[in-house]
Amino acid sequence: MPQKKRLIYRLKDYLNEHYPFTVRKLAVHTRLGCPHRDGRHGEGGCVYCYNPGFSTIDEATGSVREQIQSGIQRSRKRGFAGKFIVYFQSETNTYGEVEQLHEWWGTIEDFPEDIVGLAIGTRPDCISEDILDHLGDLANRYMVWLELGLQSVHDQTLELINRGHDYQCFQQTVELIRYFPKILICGHIILGLPGESIDEMRYTIHEINRMNLEGVKIHHLQVVWHTALAEWYAEGSVKVFTANEYVALLCELLPELSADVVVHRLVGDIRDDLLIAPRWEQPKTQVIQRVEKLMEEKGVWQGSRV
């Protein structure tokens, strides 16, 4: 029997392995928008997406530099003495003029005592070699994560949710990024998308392993106001997980995720005033604790069935 590993390889574990100090993310926002909503790559956007529900963008003011400065200052006043990964969080953060993107990302070099890395949330159909050239250079001096929305590896699902790209697009983008080996890739996936079986979700996990992604963010399907998914839910055509169902599902799937994949997230976050369903009684921290407890009881851990 293989030696037992940690239950889940969390981002905090990965950062602790690489730095002798505490590191946390500092979110900034550029309001670049999304090419799948403005007609450039498609229209309507993903059926589940209402961006204010997924980020703190409404609270962000000022330039990128000002957001970084104020974020550092707030953390210092609260007693945080560690360092930061600047996280370009909301919308599609490679959807802009390359020169402007370079300027924004390069701002981190003006804070050498505070910043150790960069994380950029984007779509796989918004990556170019010009973008990767610059990020590849930064990755020689900083930890750089590219967070790519995938959601599912099944094209029928991607079409149903109006994702605007297919799985091949994601794979080709991963292959392009691999020419810059210091850039780390985190794929975002959603469990419980309409029509997907547990076996189909399991296959998505297996594909994360096959592509050797360095990280994954796992979300559970959430219904948000002002979305097409909200209309489907009102019609009764969409089912969401109870907390018990989601805990059980993660305990089935995490053992099939490679132990080397860094888990950036296990439970999705939505602003409470915009969330329709599911509305669990327990906060996500307690849900995660339940996952870990059940995994211990079952004698499984991340990668134990790979």
C-alpha atoms as a PDB file:
ATOM      1  CA  MET A   1       0.000   0.000   0.000  1.00  0.00           C
ATOM      2  CA  PRO A   2       1.456   3.409  -0.916  1.00  0.00           C
ATOM      3  CA  GLN A   3       2.451   5.747   1.889  1.00  0.00           C
ATOM      4  CA  LYS A   4      -0.409   8.008   2.906  1.00  0.00           C
ATOM      5  CA  LYS A   5      -0.094  11.588   1.682  1.00  0.00           C
ATOM      6  CA  ARG A   6      -1.811  14.774   2.851  1.00  0.00           C
ATOM      7  CA  LEU A   7      -5.560  14.584   2.348  1.00  0.00           C
ATOM      8  CA  ILE A   8      -5.674  17.497  -0.107  1.00  0.00           C
ATOM      9  CA  TYR A   9      -2.767  19.384  -1.668  1.00  0.00           C
ATOM     10  CA  ARG A  10      -3.988  22.915  -1.019  1.00  0.00           C
ATOM     11  CA  LEU A  11      -2.516  26.130  -2.434  1.00  0.00           C
ATOM     12  CA  LYS A  12      -1.390  27.125   1.060  1.00  0.00           C
ATOM     13  CA  ASP A  13       0.664  23.899   1.227  1.00  0.00           C
ATOM     14  CA  TYR A  14       2.303  24.666  -2.109  1.00  0.00           C
ATOM     15  CA  LEU A  15       3.151  28.230  -1.050  1.00  0.00           C
ATOM     16  CA  ASN A  16       4.550  27.024   2.277  1.00  0.00           C
ATOM     17  CA  GLU A  17       6.850  24.694   0.354  1.00  0.00           C
ATOM     18  CA  HIS A  18       8.202  27.567  -1.752  1.00  0.00           C
ATOM     19  CA  TYR A  19       8.432  30.462   0.692  1.00  0.00           C
ATOM     20  CA  PRO A  20       9.653  30.842   4.305  1.00  0.00           C
ATOM     21  CA  PHE A  21       6.885  33.380   4.961  1.00  0.00           C
ATOM     22  CA  THR A  22       3.113  33.543   4.561  1.00  0.00           C
ATOM     23  CA  VAL A  23       1.814  34.440   1.101  1.00  0.00           C
ATOM     24  CA  ARG A  24      -1.722  35.482   0.242  1.00  0.00           C
ATOM     25  CA  LYS A  25      -3.490  36.740  -2.863  1.00  0.00           C
ATOM     26  CA  LEU A  26      -4.254  40.424  -3.361  1.00  0.00           C
ATOM     27  CA  ALA A  27      -7.091  40.906  -5.857  1.00  0.00           C
ATOM     28  CA  VAL A  28      -7.055  43.763  -8.362  1.00  0.00           C
ATOM     29  CA  HIS A  29      -9.456  44.517 -11.194  1.00  0.00           C
ATOM     30  CA  THR A  30      -8.987  45.973 -14.663  1.00  0.00           C
ATOM     31  CA  ARG A  31     -12.613  45.872 -15.897  1.00  0.00           C
ATOM     32  CA  LEU A  32     -11.484  44.542 -19.261  1.00  0.00           C
ATOM     33  CA  GLY A  33     -14.773  42.796 -19.919  1.00  0.00           C
ATOM     34  CA  CYS A  34     -15.291  39.538 -21.775  1.00  0.00           C
ATOM     35  CA  PRO A  35     -15.067  38.843 -25.525  1.00  0.00           C
ATOM     36  CA  HIS A  36     -17.843  36.296 -25.178  1.00  0.00           C
ATOM     37  CA  ARG A  37     -20.283  38.967 -24.080  1.00  0.00           C
ATOM     38  CA  ASP A  38     -19.343  41.890 -26.312  1.00  0.00           C
ATOM     39  CA  GLY A  39     -19.678  40.040 -29.622  1.00  0.00           C
ATOM     40  CA  ARG A  40     -16.004  39.614 -30.460  1.00  0.00           C
ATOM     41  CA  HIS A  41     -15.942  35.851 -29.805  1.00  0.00           C
ATOM     42  CA  GLY A  42     -19.620  35.294 -29.097  1.00  0.00           C
ATOM     43  CA  GLU A  43     -22.694  36.761 -27.497  1.00  0.00           C
ATOM     44  CA  GLY A  44     -24.601  36.344 -24.285  1.00  0.00           C
ATOM     45  CA  GLY A  45     -21.765  34.973 -22.182  1.00  0.00           C
ATOM     46  CA  CYS A  46     -21.802  31.767 -20.174  1.00  0.00           C
ATOM     47  CA  VAL A  47     -25.237  30.829 -18.875  1.00  0.00           C
ATOM     48  CA  TYR A  48     -24.095  30.864 -15.237  1.00  0.00           C
ATOM     49  CA  CYS A  49     -22.082  34.090 -15.301  1.00  0.00           C
ATOM     50  CA  TYR A  50     -22.978  37.403 -13.728  1.00  0.00           C
ATOM     51  CA  ASN A  51     -19.527  38.748 -12.977  1.00  0.00           C
ATOM     52  CA  PRO A  52     -20.317  40.952  -9.940  1.00  0.00           C
ATOM     53  CA  GLY A  53     -21.354  37.776  -8.160  1.00  0.00           C
ATOM     54  CA  PHE A  54     -17.925  36.192  -8.482  1.00  0.00           C
ATOM     55  CA  SER A  55     -15.594  38.965  -7.357  1.00  0.00           C
ATOM     56  CA  THR A  56     -15.053  42.092  -5.302  1.00  0.00           C
ATOM     57  CA  ILE A  57     -14.958  44.272  -8.399  1.00  0.00           C
ATOM     58  CA  ASP A  58     -17.583  46.666  -7.019  1.00  0.00           C
ATOM     59  CA  GLU A  59     -15.230  47.474  -4.133  1.00  0.00           C
ATOM     60  CA  ALA A  60     -12.179  48.139  -6.324  1.00  0.00           C
ATOM     61  CA  THR A  61     -11.299  51.734  -7.124  1.00  0.00           C
ATOM     62  CA  GLY A  62      -8.306  53.415  -8.677  1.00  0.00           C
ATOM     63  CA  SER A  63      -5.588  52.278 -11.036  1.00  0.00           C
ATOM     64  CA  VAL A  64      -3.883  48.912 -10.765  1.00  0.00           C
ATOM     65  CA  ARG A  65      -1.023  50.555  -8.877  1.00  0.00           C
ATOM     66  CA  GLU A  66      -3.429  52.276  -6.482  1.00  0.00           C
ATOM     67  CA  GLN A  67      -5.326  49.040  -5.871  1.00  0.00           C
ATOM     68  CA  ILE A  68      -2.074  47.251  -5.065  1.00  0.00           C
ATOM     69  CA  GLN A  69      -0.892  50.022  -2.759  1.00  0.00           C
ATOM     70  CA  SER A  70      -4.177  50.241  -0.875  1.00  0.00           C
ATOM     71  CA  GLY A  71      -4.425  46.454  -0.603  1.00  0.00           C
ATOM     72  CA  ILE A  72      -0.954  46.202   0.903  1.00  0.00           C
ATOM     73  CA  GLN A  73      -1.646  49.064   3.294  1.00  0.00           C
ATOM     74  CA  ARG A  74      -4.914  47.542   4.495  1.00  0.00           C
ATOM     75  CA  SER A  75      -3.239  44.205   5.136  1.00  0.00           C
ATOM     76  CA  ARG A  76      -0.340  45.794   7.018  1.00  0.00           C
ATOM     77  CA  LYS A  77      -2.721  47.746   9.251  1.00  0.00           C
ATOM     78  CA  ARG A  78      -4.428  44.455  10.109  1.00  0.00           C
ATOM     79  CA  GLY A  79      -1.100  42.965  11.139  1.00  0.00           C
ATOM     80  CA  PHE A  80      -0.286  40.832   8.097  1.00  0.00           C
ATOM     81  CA  ALA A  81       3.516  40.691   7.729  1.00  0.00           C
ATOM     82  CA  GLY A  82       3.746  38.281   4.796  1.00  0.00           C
ATOM     83  CA  LYS A  83       3.901  38.867   1.063  1.00  0.00           C
ATOM     84  CA  PHE A  84       1.491  38.822  -1.847  1.00  0.00           C
ATOM     85  CA  ILE A  85       0.585  37.295  -5.170  1.00  0.00           C
ATOM     86  CA  VAL A  86      -1.244  40.002  -7.130  1.00  0.00           C
ATOM     87  CA  TYR A  87      -4.371  38.393  -8.545  1.00  0.00           C
ATOM     88  CA  PHE A  88      -5.981  39.902 -11.636  1.00  0.00           C
ATOM     89  CA  GLN A  89      -9.294  38.336 -10.767  1.00  0.00           C
ATOM     90  CA  SER A  90     -12.485  39.409 -12.495  1.00  0.00           C
ATOM     91  CA  GLU A  91     -13.418  39.316 -16.166  1.00  0.00           C
ATOM     92  CA  THR A  92     -10.873  38.301 -18.861  1.00  0.00           C
ATOM     93  CA  ASN A  93      -7.509  39.703 -17.845  1.00  0.00           C
ATOM     94  CA  THR A  94      -5.672  39.090 -21.110  1.00  0.00           C
ATOM     95  CA  TYR A  95      -8.403  40.773 -23.169  1.00  0.00           C
ATOM     96  CA  GLY A  96      -6.719  44.078 -23.893  1.00  0.00           C
ATOM     97  CA  GLU A  97      -3.930  45.841 -25.723  1.00  0.00           C
ATOM     98  CA  VAL A  98      -0.684  43.996 -25.101  1.00  0.00           C
ATOM     99  CA  GLU A  99       1.176  47.179 -24.162  1.00  0.00           C
ATOM    100  CA  GLN A 100      -1.421  47.995 -21.508  1.00  0.00           C
ATOM    101  CA  LEU A 101      -1.348  44.467 -20.131  1.00  0.00           C
ATOM    102  CA  HIS A 102       2.450  44.572 -19.897  1.00  0.00           C
ATOM    103  CA  GLU A 103       2.280  47.862 -18.020  1.00  0.00           C
ATOM    104  CA  TRP A 104      -0.260  46.543 -15.518  1.00  0.00           C
ATOM    105  CA  TRP A 105       1.567  43.286 -14.881  1.00  0.00           C
ATOM    106  CA  GLY A 106       4.921  45.031 -14.676  1.00  0.00           C
ATOM    107  CA  THR A 107       3.600  47.134 -11.792  1.00  0.00           C
ATOM    108  CA  ILE A 108       4.444  44.275  -9.431  1.00  0.00           C
ATOM    109  CA  GLU A 109       8.142  45.006  -9.953  1.00  0.00           C
ATOM    110  CA  ASP A 110       7.664  48.334  -8.180  1.00  0.00           C
ATOM    111  CA  PHE A 111       6.918  46.495  -4.908  1.00  0.00           C
ATOM    112  CA  PRO A 112       9.959  44.212  -4.445  1.00  0.00           C
ATOM    113  CA  GLU A 113       9.537  43.970  -0.660  1.00  0.00           C
ATOM    114  CA  ASP A 114       5.885  42.980  -0.823  1.00  0.00           C
ATOM    115  CA  ILE A 115       5.098  40.983  -3.979  1.00  0.00           C
ATOM    116  CA  VAL A 116       6.375  37.543  -4.945  1.00  0.00           C
ATOM    117  CA  GLY A 117       3.968  36.536  -7.674  1.00  0.00           C
ATOM    118  CA  LEU A 118       1.250  37.165 -10.195  1.00  0.00           C
ATOM    119  CA  ALA A 119      -1.975  35.292 -10.957  1.00  0.00           C
ATOM    120  CA  ILE A 120      -4.107  36.092 -13.990  1.00  0.00           C
ATOM    121  CA  GLY A 121      -7.640  34.864 -14.553  1.00  0.00           C
ATOM    122  CA  THR A 122      -8.605  34.559 -18.210  1.00  0.00           C
ATOM    123  CA  ARG A 123     -10.090  32.436 -20.994  1.00  0.00           C
ATOM    124  CA  PRO A 124      -8.146  29.940 -23.123  1.00  0.00           C
ATOM    125  CA  ASP A 125      -9.257  31.752 -26.299  1.00  0.00           C
ATOM    126  CA  CYS A 126      -7.602  34.998 -25.148  1.00  0.00           C
ATOM    127  CA  ILE A 127      -3.951  33.931 -24.986  1.00  0.00           C
ATOM    128  CA  SER A 128      -1.288  34.946 -27.514  1.00  0.00           C
ATOM    129  CA  GLU A 129       2.467  34.489 -27.866  1.00  0.00           C
ATOM    130  CA  ASP A 130       2.996  38.214 -27.187  1.00  0.00           C
ATOM    131  CA  ILE A 131       1.227  37.817 -23.857  1.00  0.00           C
ATOM    132  CA  LEU A 132       3.188  34.676 -23.009  1.00  0.00           C
ATOM    133  CA  ASP A 133       6.531  36.256 -23.948  1.00  0.00           C
ATOM    134  CA  HIS A 134       6.040  38.889 -21.260  1.00  0.00           C
ATOM    135  CA  LEU A 135       4.646  36.506 -18.649  1.00  0.00           C
ATOM    136  CA  GLY A 136       7.439  34.063 -19.376  1.00  0.00           C
ATOM    137  CA  ASP A 137       9.971  36.785 -18.628  1.00  0.00           C
ATOM    138  CA  LEU A 138       8.216  37.689 -15.354  1.00  0.00           C
ATOM    139  CA  ALA A 139       8.142  33.995 -14.439  1.00  0.00           C
ATOM    140  CA  ASN A 140      11.934  34.049 -14.275  1.00  0.00           C
ATOM    141  CA  ARG A 141      11.641  36.322 -11.222  1.00  0.00           C
ATOM    142  CA  TYR A 142       8.158  35.712  -9.827  1.00  0.00           C
ATOM    143  CA  MET A 143       5.703  32.889  -9.343  1.00  0.00           C
ATOM    144  CA  VAL A 144       3.254  33.268 -12.241  1.00  0.00           C
ATOM    145  CA  TRP A 145      -0.072  31.450 -12.433  1.00  0.00           C
ATOM    146  CA  LEU A 146      -2.332  31.581 -15.484  1.00  0.00           C
ATOM    147  CA  GLU A 147      -5.863  30.625 -14.411  1.00  0.00           C
ATOM    148  CA  LEU A 148      -7.808  29.345 -17.421  1.00  0.00           C
ATOM    149  CA  GLY A 149     -11.542  28.773 -17.400  1.00  0.00           C
ATOM    150  CA  LEU A 150     -12.311  25.278 -18.691  1.00  0.00           C
ATOM    151  CA  GLN A 151     -15.424  24.233 -16.699  1.00  0.00           C
ATOM    152  CA  SER A 152     -15.745  20.864 -18.479  1.00  0.00           C
ATOM    153  CA  VAL A 153     -13.884  18.764 -21.042  1.00  0.00           C
ATOM    154  CA  HIS A 154     -17.149  17.721 -22.734  1.00  0.00           C
ATOM    155  CA  ASP A 155     -17.981  19.740 -25.828  1.00  0.00           C
ATOM    156  CA  GLN A 156     -21.712  19.081 -25.535  1.00  0.00           C
ATOM    157  CA  THR A 157     -21.632  20.675 -22.082  1.00  0.00           C
ATOM    158  CA  LEU A 158     -19.522  23.611 -23.248  1.00  0.00           C
ATOM    159  CA  GLU A 159     -22.013  24.243 -26.029  1.00  0.00           C
ATOM    160  CA  LEU A 160     -24.985  23.955 -23.679  1.00  0.00           C
ATOM    161  CA  ILE A 161     -23.561  26.498 -21.230  1.00  0.00           C
ATOM    162  CA  ASN A 162     -22.584  28.811 -24.124  1.00  0.00           C
ATOM    163  CA  ARG A 163     -18.946  28.734 -23.116  1.00  0.00           C
ATOM    164  CA  GLY A 164     -17.747  30.077 -26.468  1.00  0.00           C
ATOM    165  CA  HIS A 165     -14.860  27.647 -26.994  1.00  0.00           C
ATOM    166  CA  ASP A 166     -14.426  23.901 -27.169  1.00  0.00           C
ATOM    167  CA  TYR A 167     -12.109  21.559 -25.285  1.00  0.00           C
ATOM    168  CA  GLN A 168      -9.614  21.473 -28.152  1.00  0.00           C
ATOM    169  CA  CYS A 169      -9.129  25.227 -27.734  1.00  0.00           C
ATOM    170  CA  PHE A 170      -8.184  24.690 -24.099  1.00  0.00           C
ATOM    171  CA  GLN A 171      -5.751  21.895 -24.957  1.00  0.00           C
ATOM    172  CA  GLN A 172      -4.086  23.946 -27.683  1.00  0.00           C
ATOM    173  CA  THR A 173      -3.662  26.858 -25.291  1.00  0.00           C
ATOM    174  CA  VAL A 174      -2.051  24.582 -22.710  1.00  0.00           C
ATOM    175  CA  GLU A 175       0.355  23.321 -25.372  1.00  0.00           C
ATOM    176  CA  LEU A 176       1.260  26.914 -26.281  1.00  0.00           C
ATOM    177  CA  ILE A 177       1.892  27.866 -22.652  1.00  0.00           C
ATOM    178  CA  ARG A 178       4.187  24.850 -22.251  1.00  0.00           C
ATOM    179  CA  TYR A 179       6.754  26.660 -24.431  1.00  0.00           C
ATOM    180  CA  PHE A 180       7.159  28.873 -21.340  1.00  0.00           C
ATOM    181  CA  PRO A 181       7.784  26.182 -18.714  1.00  0.00           C
ATOM    182  CA  LYS A 182       7.948  28.475 -15.693  1.00  0.00           C
ATOM    183  CA  ILE A 183       4.364  29.643 -16.177  1.00  0.00           C
ATOM    184  CA  LEU A 184       2.051  27.575 -13.977  1.00  0.00           C
ATOM    185  CA  ILE A 185      -1.420  26.626 -15.239  1.00  0.00           C
ATOM    186  CA  CYS A 186      -4.535  26.388 -13.077  1.00  0.00           C
ATOM    187  CA  GLY A 187      -7.703  25.098 -14.745  1.00  0.00           C
ATOM    188  CA  HIS A 188     -11.130  26.122 -13.451  1.00  0.00           C
ATOM    189  CA  ILE A 189     -13.832  23.443 -13.515  1.00  0.00           C
ATOM    190  CA  ILE A 190     -17.471  23.354 -12.388  1.00  0.00           C
ATOM    191  CA  LEU A 191     -19.019  20.212 -10.919  1.00  0.00           C
ATOM    192  CA  GLY A 192     -22.720  19.679 -11.458  1.00  0.00           C
ATOM    193  CA  LEU A 193     -23.134  21.380 -14.829  1.00  0.00           C
ATOM    194  CA  PRO A 194     -26.519  20.604 -16.439  1.00  0.00           C
ATOM    195  CA  GLY A 195     -26.719  17.108 -17.866  1.00  0.00           C
ATOM    196  CA  GLU A 196     -23.344  15.877 -16.654  1.00  0.00           C
ATOM    197  CA  SER A 197     -23.102  12.531 -14.896  1.00  0.00           C
ATOM    198  CA  ILE A 198     -20.603  11.690 -12.159  1.00  0.00           C
ATOM    199  CA  ASP A 199     -18.644   9.636 -14.689  1.00  0.00           C
ATOM    200  CA  GLU A 200     -18.401  12.667 -16.980  1.00  0.00           C
ATOM    201  CA  MET A 201     -17.152  14.814 -14.094  1.00  0.00           C
ATOM    202  CA  ARG A 202     -14.678  12.059 -13.252  1.00  0.00           C
ATOM    203  CA  TYR A 203     -13.408  12.142 -16.835  1.00  0.00           C
ATOM    204  CA  THR A 204     -12.787  15.892 -16.512  1.00  0.00           C
ATOM    205  CA  ILE A 205     -10.630  15.149 -13.447  1.00  0.00           C
ATOM    206  CA  HIS A 206      -8.729  12.497 -15.415  1.00  0.00           C
ATOM    207  CA  GLU A 207      -8.063  14.986 -18.206  1.00  0.00           C
ATOM    208  CA  ILE A 208      -6.674  17.503 -15.685  1.00  0.00           C
ATOM    209  CA  ASN A 209      -4.197  14.766 -14.740  1.00  0.00           C
ATOM    210  CA  ARG A 210      -3.403  13.883 -18.341  1.00  0.00           C
ATOM    211  CA  MET A 211      -2.590  17.489 -19.242  1.00  0.00           C
ATOM    212  CA  ASN A 212      -0.317  17.742 -16.197  1.00  0.00           C
ATOM    213  CA  LEU A 213      -1.896  20.984 -15.064  1.00  0.00           C
ATOM    214  CA  GLU A 214      -0.137  22.390 -12.035  1.00  0.00           C
ATOM    215  CA  GLY A 215      -3.366  23.490 -10.386  1.00  0.00           C
ATOM    216  CA  VAL A 216      -7.144  23.255 -10.410  1.00  0.00           C
ATOM    217  CA  LYS A 217      -9.958  25.387  -9.026  1.00  0.00           C
ATOM    218  CA  ILE A 218     -13.068  23.353  -8.330  1.00  0.00           C
ATOM    219  CA  HIS A 219     -16.437  25.091  -8.153  1.00  0.00           C
ATOM    220  CA  HIS A 220     -19.872  23.639  -7.495  1.00  0.00           C
ATOM    221  CA  LEU A 221     -22.662  24.819  -9.793  1.00  0.00           C
ATOM    222  CA  GLN A 222     -24.320  27.900  -8.327  1.00  0.00           C
ATOM    223  CA  VAL A 223     -27.352  29.728  -9.649  1.00  0.00           C
ATOM    224  CA  VAL A 224     -26.939  33.506  -9.706  1.00  0.00           C
ATOM    225  CA  TRP A 225     -29.464  36.239 -10.395  1.00  0.00           C
ATOM    226  CA  HIS A 226     -29.414  37.923 -13.840  1.00  0.00           C
ATOM    227  CA  THR A 227     -28.310  34.762 -15.685  1.00  0.00           C
ATOM    228  CA  ALA A 228     -29.846  32.312 -18.138  1.00  0.00           C
ATOM    229  CA  LEU A 229     -29.155  29.588 -15.579  1.00  0.00           C
ATOM    230  CA  ALA A 230     -31.461  31.398 -13.140  1.00  0.00           C
ATOM    231  CA  GLU A 231     -34.271  31.110 -15.698  1.00  0.00           C
ATOM    232  CA  TRP A 232     -33.561  27.408 -16.200  1.00  0.00           C
ATOM    233  CA  TYR A 233     -33.591  26.874 -12.443  1.00  0.00           C
ATOM    234  CA  ALA A 234     -36.914  28.687 -12.095  1.00  0.00           C
ATOM    235  CA  GLU A 235     -38.335  26.378 -14.774  1.00  0.00           C
ATOM    236  CA  GLY A 236     -37.149  23.340 -12.810  1.00  0.00           C
ATOM    237  CA  SER A 237     -34.695  22.131 -15.455  1.00  0.00           C
ATOM    238  CA  VAL A 238     -31.513  22.569 -13.346  1.00  0.00           C
ATOM    239  CA  LYS A 239     -30.552  20.616 -10.245  1.00  0.00           C
ATOM    240  CA  VAL A 240     -27.947  21.784  -7.731  1.00  0.00           C
ATOM    241  CA  PHE A 241     -26.081  19.826  -5.064  1.00  0.00           C
ATOM    242  CA  THR A 242     -27.059  19.687  -1.430  1.00  0.00           C
ATOM    243  CA  ALA A 243     -24.080  20.100   0.883  1.00  0.00           C
ATOM    244  CA  ASN A 244     -24.182  16.372   1.677  1.00  0.00           C
ATOM    245  CA  GLU A 245     -24.170  15.455  -2.016  1.00  0.00           C
ATOM    246  CA  TYR A 246     -21.255  17.763  -2.771  1.00  0.00           C
ATOM    247  CA  VAL A 247     -19.171  16.483   0.144  1.00  0.00           C
ATOM    248  CA  ALA A 248     -19.757  12.899  -1.008  1.00  0.00           C
ATOM    249  CA  LEU A 249     -18.884  13.803  -4.612  1.00  0.00           C
ATOM    250  CA  LEU A 250     -15.576  15.442  -3.669  1.00  0.00           C
ATOM    251  CA  CYS A 251     -14.664  12.381  -1.628  1.00  0.00           C
ATOM    252  CA  GLU A 252     -15.216  10.308  -4.764  1.00  0.00           C
ATOM    253  CA  LEU A 253     -13.319  12.557  -7.161  1.00  0.00           C
ATOM    254  CA  LEU A 254     -10.365  13.893  -5.159  1.00  0.00           C
ATOM    255  CA  PRO A 255      -8.750  10.442  -4.815  1.00  0.00           C
ATOM    256  CA  GLU A 256      -8.684  10.355  -8.638  1.00  0.00           C
ATOM    257  CA  LEU A 257      -6.937  13.739  -8.901  1.00  0.00           C
ATOM    258  CA  SER A 258      -3.156  13.475  -9.095  1.00  0.00           C
ATOM    259  CA  ALA A 259      -1.463  14.214  -5.774  1.00  0.00           C
ATOM    260  CA  ASP A 260       0.805  16.719  -7.567  1.00  0.00           C
ATOM    261  CA  VAL A 261      -2.068  18.990  -8.678  1.00  0.00           C
ATOM    262  CA  VAL A 262      -2.432  22.014  -6.419  1.00  0.00           C
ATOM    263  CA  VAL A 263      -6.054  22.529  -5.361  1.00  0.00           C
ATOM    264  CA  HIS A 264      -6.673  26.298  -5.349  1.00  0.00           C
ATOM    265  CA  ARG A 265     -10.348  25.983  -4.453  1.00  0.00           C
ATOM    266  CA  LEU A 266     -12.849  23.284  -3.472  1.00  0.00           C
ATOM    267  CA  VAL A 267     -16.051  25.264  -2.995  1.00  0.00           C
ATOM    268  CA  GLY A 268     -17.288  28.174  -5.100  1.00  0.00           C
ATOM    269  CA  ASP A 269     -17.882  31.666  -3.709  1.00  0.00           C
ATOM    270  CA  ILE A 270     -20.818  33.890  -4.657  1.00  0.00           C
ATOM    271  CA  ARG A 271     -21.997  37.144  -3.127  1.00  0.00           C
ATOM    272  CA  ASP A 272     -24.837  36.193  -0.814  1.00  0.00           C
ATOM    273  CA  ASP A 273     -27.216  38.833  -2.151  1.00  0.00           C
ATOM    274  CA  LEU A 274     -26.834  37.451  -5.693  1.00  0.00           C
ATOM    275  CA  LEU A 275     -26.971  33.722  -4.898  1.00  0.00           C
ATOM    276  CA  ILE A 276     -30.203  31.862  -5.631  1.00  0.00           C
ATOM    277  CA  ALA A 277     -29.100  28.268  -5.040  1.00  0.00           C
ATOM    278  CA  PRO A 278     -27.790  26.188  -3.449  1.00  0.00           C
ATOM    279  CA  ARG A 279     -28.038  27.961  -0.100  1.00  0.00           C
ATOM    280  CA  TRP A 280     -26.245  25.707   2.364  1.00  0.00           C
ATOM    281  CA  GLU A 281     -26.550  26.200   6.090  1.00  0.00           C
ATOM    282  CA  GLN A 282     -22.834  25.612   6.641  1.00  0.00           C
ATOM    283  CA  PRO A 283     -20.152  28.044   5.424  1.00  0.00           C
ATOM    284  CA  LYS A 284     -17.614  26.735   2.940  1.00  0.00           C
ATOM    285  CA  THR A 285     -14.931  26.309   5.616  1.00  0.00           C
ATOM    286  CA  GLN A 286     -17.131  23.805   7.420  1.00  0.00           C
ATOM    287  CA  VAL A 287     -18.014  22.058   4.152  1.00  0.00           C
ATOM    288  CA  ILE A 288     -14.303  21.590   3.450  1.00  0.00           C
ATOM    289  CA  GLN A 289     -13.767  20.275   6.982  1.00  0.00           C
ATOM    290  CA  ARG A 290     -16.522  17.744   6.340  1.00  0.00           C
ATOM    291  CA  VAL A 291     -14.801  16.649   3.126  1.00  0.00           C
ATOM    292  CA  GLU A 292     -11.536  16.092   4.973  1.00  0.00           C
ATOM    293  CA  LYS A 293     -13.258  14.221   7.807  1.00  0.00           C
ATOM    294  CA  LEU A 294     -15.078  11.913   5.387  1.00  0.00           C
ATOM    295  CA  MET A 295     -11.886  11.259   3.425  1.00  0.00           C
ATOM    296  CA  GLU A 296     -10.143  10.288   6.659  1.00  0.00           C
ATOM    297  CA  GLU A 297     -13.001   7.965   7.553  1.00  0.00           C
ATOM    298  CA  LYS A 298     -12.859   6.350   4.113  1.00  0.00           C
ATOM    299  CA  GLY A 299      -9.064   6.048   4.221  1.00  0.00           C
ATOM    300  CA  VAL A 300      -8.585   7.970   0.978  1.00  0.00           C
ATOM    301  CA  TRP A 301      -6.642  11.066  -0.002  1.00  0.00           C
ATOM    302  CA  GLN A 302      -5.930  13.100  -3.111  1.00  0.00           C
ATOM    303  CA  GLY A 303      -4.239  10.802  -5.607  1.00  0.00           C
ATOM    304  CA  SER A 304      -4.876   7.583  -3.689  1.00  0.00           C
ATOM    305  CA  ARG A 305      -6.731   6.070  -6.664  1.00  0.00           C
ATOM    306  CA  VAL A 306      -4.583   7.422  -9.486  1.00  0.00           C
END
